[in-house]
Amino acid sequence: MTAIAEKVMETALGLSPEDRAELIERLFFSFDKAVEHPEDEAWKVEIESRIEAYNAGEIKASSADEIFNRIAKR
């Protein structure tokens, strides 16, 4: 661990349990943003498009059983 990280750790350990928990959560979720891939944005657009189509009645949803049966038939 770098000297800066050691200092941050030392300071963090002096925080209240609630503040440490908040710090842990924020650090943990920072990884999601760090690993975002270009295809993530394309999937977001696709998902939003499908939700809009479903809400407009343009497509219907399938139950999990229907999906698993289709997969099993392959």
C-alpha atoms as a PDB file:
ATOM      1  CA  MET A   1       0.000   0.000   0.000  1.00  0.00           C
ATOM      2  CA  THR A   2       1.291   3.462  -0.832  1.00  0.00           C
ATOM      3  CA  ALA A   3       1.993   6.043   1.832  1.00  0.00           C
ATOM      4  CA  ILE A   4      -1.077   8.010   0.751  1.00  0.00           C
ATOM      5  CA  ALA A   5      -3.267   4.908   0.992  1.00  0.00           C
ATOM      6  CA  GLU A   6      -1.830   4.152   4.443  1.00  0.00           C
ATOM      7  CA  LYS A   7      -2.682   7.683   5.573  1.00  0.00           C
ATOM      8  CA  VAL A   8      -6.224   7.368   4.191  1.00  0.00           C
ATOM      9  CA  MET A   9      -6.585   4.012   5.961  1.00  0.00           C
ATOM     10  CA  GLU A  10      -5.348   5.452   9.248  1.00  0.00           C
ATOM     11  CA  THR A  11      -7.799   8.334   8.977  1.00  0.00           C
ATOM     12  CA  ALA A  12     -10.658   6.036   7.937  1.00  0.00           C
ATOM     13  CA  LEU A  13     -10.113   3.770  10.929  1.00  0.00           C
ATOM     14  CA  GLY A  14     -10.652   6.785  13.182  1.00  0.00           C
ATOM     15  CA  LEU A  15     -14.134   7.386  11.765  1.00  0.00           C
ATOM     16  CA  SER A  16     -17.369   6.284  13.371  1.00  0.00           C
ATOM     17  CA  PRO A  17     -18.742   2.911  12.240  1.00  0.00           C
ATOM     18  CA  GLU A  18     -21.462   4.699  10.264  1.00  0.00           C
ATOM     19  CA  ASP A  19     -18.958   6.890   8.428  1.00  0.00           C
ATOM     20  CA  ARG A  20     -16.713   3.880   7.720  1.00  0.00           C
ATOM     21  CA  ALA A  21     -19.695   1.985   6.312  1.00  0.00           C
ATOM     22  CA  GLU A  22     -20.559   4.941   4.059  1.00  0.00           C
ATOM     23  CA  LEU A  23     -16.940   5.161   2.923  1.00  0.00           C
ATOM     24  CA  ILE A  24     -16.821   1.446   2.149  1.00  0.00           C
ATOM     25  CA  GLU A  25     -20.047   1.653   0.152  1.00  0.00           C
ATOM     26  CA  ARG A  26     -18.873   4.626  -1.880  1.00  0.00           C
ATOM     27  CA  LEU A  27     -15.503   3.021  -2.583  1.00  0.00           C
ATOM     28  CA  PHE A  28     -17.162  -0.259  -3.564  1.00  0.00           C
ATOM     29  CA  PHE A  29     -19.567   1.391  -5.993  1.00  0.00           C
ATOM     30  CA  SER A  30     -16.744   3.443  -7.512  1.00  0.00           C
ATOM     31  CA  PHE A  31     -15.525   0.223  -9.147  1.00  0.00           C
ATOM     32  CA  ASP A  32     -18.702  -0.001 -11.231  1.00  0.00           C
ATOM     33  CA  LYS A  33     -17.883   3.292 -12.892  1.00  0.00           C
ATOM     34  CA  ALA A  34     -14.219   2.429 -13.353  1.00  0.00           C
ATOM     35  CA  VAL A  35     -14.959  -0.746 -15.329  1.00  0.00           C
ATOM     36  CA  GLU A  36     -17.630   0.601 -17.615  1.00  0.00           C
ATOM     37  CA  HIS A  37     -17.197  -0.650 -21.169  1.00  0.00           C
ATOM     38  CA  PRO A  38     -18.365   1.031 -24.393  1.00  0.00           C
ATOM     39  CA  GLU A  39     -20.953  -1.708 -24.973  1.00  0.00           C
ATOM     40  CA  ASP A  40     -22.574  -0.799 -21.641  1.00  0.00           C
ATOM     41  CA  GLU A  41     -23.990   2.360 -23.202  1.00  0.00           C
ATOM     42  CA  ALA A  42     -25.347   0.395 -26.170  1.00  0.00           C
ATOM     43  CA  TRP A  43     -27.083  -2.011 -23.785  1.00  0.00           C
ATOM     44  CA  LYS A  44     -28.570   0.900 -21.834  1.00  0.00           C
ATOM     45  CA  VAL A  45     -30.041   2.313 -25.040  1.00  0.00           C
ATOM     46  CA  GLU A  46     -31.383  -1.114 -26.060  1.00  0.00           C
ATOM     47  CA  ILE A  47     -32.966  -1.745 -22.667  1.00  0.00           C
ATOM     48  CA  GLU A  48     -34.630   1.669 -22.611  1.00  0.00           C
ATOM     49  CA  SER A  49     -35.946   1.068 -26.134  1.00  0.00           C
ATOM     50  CA  ARG A  50     -37.439  -2.291 -25.133  1.00  0.00           C
ATOM     51  CA  ILE A  51     -39.053  -0.835 -22.018  1.00  0.00           C
ATOM     52  CA  GLU A  52     -40.602   1.976 -24.059  1.00  0.00           C
ATOM     53  CA  ALA A  53     -41.889  -0.540 -26.635  1.00  0.00           C
ATOM     54  CA  TYR A  54     -43.362  -2.717 -23.881  1.00  0.00           C
ATOM     55  CA  ASN A  55     -45.030   0.263 -22.194  1.00  0.00           C
ATOM     56  CA  ALA A  56     -46.474   1.340 -25.561  1.00  0.00           C
ATOM     57  CA  GLY A  57     -47.894  -2.158 -26.110  1.00  0.00           C
ATOM     58  CA  GLU A  58     -45.645  -2.785 -29.109  1.00  0.00           C
ATOM     59  CA  ILE A  59     -44.089  -5.915 -27.606  1.00  0.00           C
ATOM     60  CA  LYS A  60     -45.205  -8.377 -24.947  1.00  0.00           C
ATOM     61  CA  ALA A  61     -43.286  -9.929 -22.115  1.00  0.00           C
ATOM     62  CA  SER A  62     -42.612 -13.653 -21.762  1.00  0.00           C
ATOM     63  CA  SER A  63     -42.630 -15.517 -18.488  1.00  0.00           C
ATOM     64  CA  ALA A  64     -39.436 -17.102 -17.205  1.00  0.00           C
ATOM     65  CA  ASP A  65     -40.965 -20.553 -17.807  1.00  0.00           C
ATOM     66  CA  GLU A  66     -41.580 -19.696 -21.475  1.00  0.00           C
ATOM     67  CA  ILE A  67     -38.020 -18.493 -21.889  1.00  0.00           C
ATOM     68  CA  PHE A  68     -36.517 -21.579 -20.208  1.00  0.00           C
ATOM     69  CA  ASN A  69     -38.692 -23.859 -22.369  1.00  0.00           C
ATOM     70  CA  ARG A  70     -37.489 -22.101 -25.543  1.00  0.00           C
ATOM     71  CA  ILE A  71     -33.876 -22.495 -24.431  1.00  0.00           C
ATOM     72  CA  ALA A  72     -34.374 -26.157 -23.546  1.00  0.00           C
ATOM     73  CA  LYS A  73     -35.750 -26.870 -27.049  1.00  0.00           C
ATOM     74  CA  ARG A  74     -32.532 -25.678 -28.717  1.00  0.00           C
END
